[in-house]
């Protein structure tokens, strides 16, 4: 089968944020060490007690108080050219995506040796829920 150089790709860097891991190396270390990252919902995230009901059929309630939570990530908006006073209007998922893209470029050595920006792409996969702003906009009003 002939190779078409126009469609060749190379994965040269990786970055990630997972429950219990701020980096891909931490994530892999957790896997190798069989680290349990599920935990009771931290109170600083939200108080599960307000919404909890053991009855799975109870309307507008949750029946689990456990989850996997991404650790707090230090974020300096000035590093990304973002005015600090705009942070409240930016979805945290977008900020995390910037951090993962930075990790990926760093892992690829882009900051040390530079790279061809014309032929570079960053692909992001995300399975996050909505942030507080999105939740407010879609919340059912009773």
Foldseek 3Di string as FASTA:
>chain_A
DDDDPVPDDDQQFFFDWWQQDRTPVRVVVCVVVVPDRKDFADVVVPDLVVADDCPPPDPRHDPDRIDRDTDDDDADVVVVPDPPVCVVVDWVVVRSVVVRVVRGCVSSVCVPPNDDPVPDDDDDDDDDDGDPVVCVVPPDDD
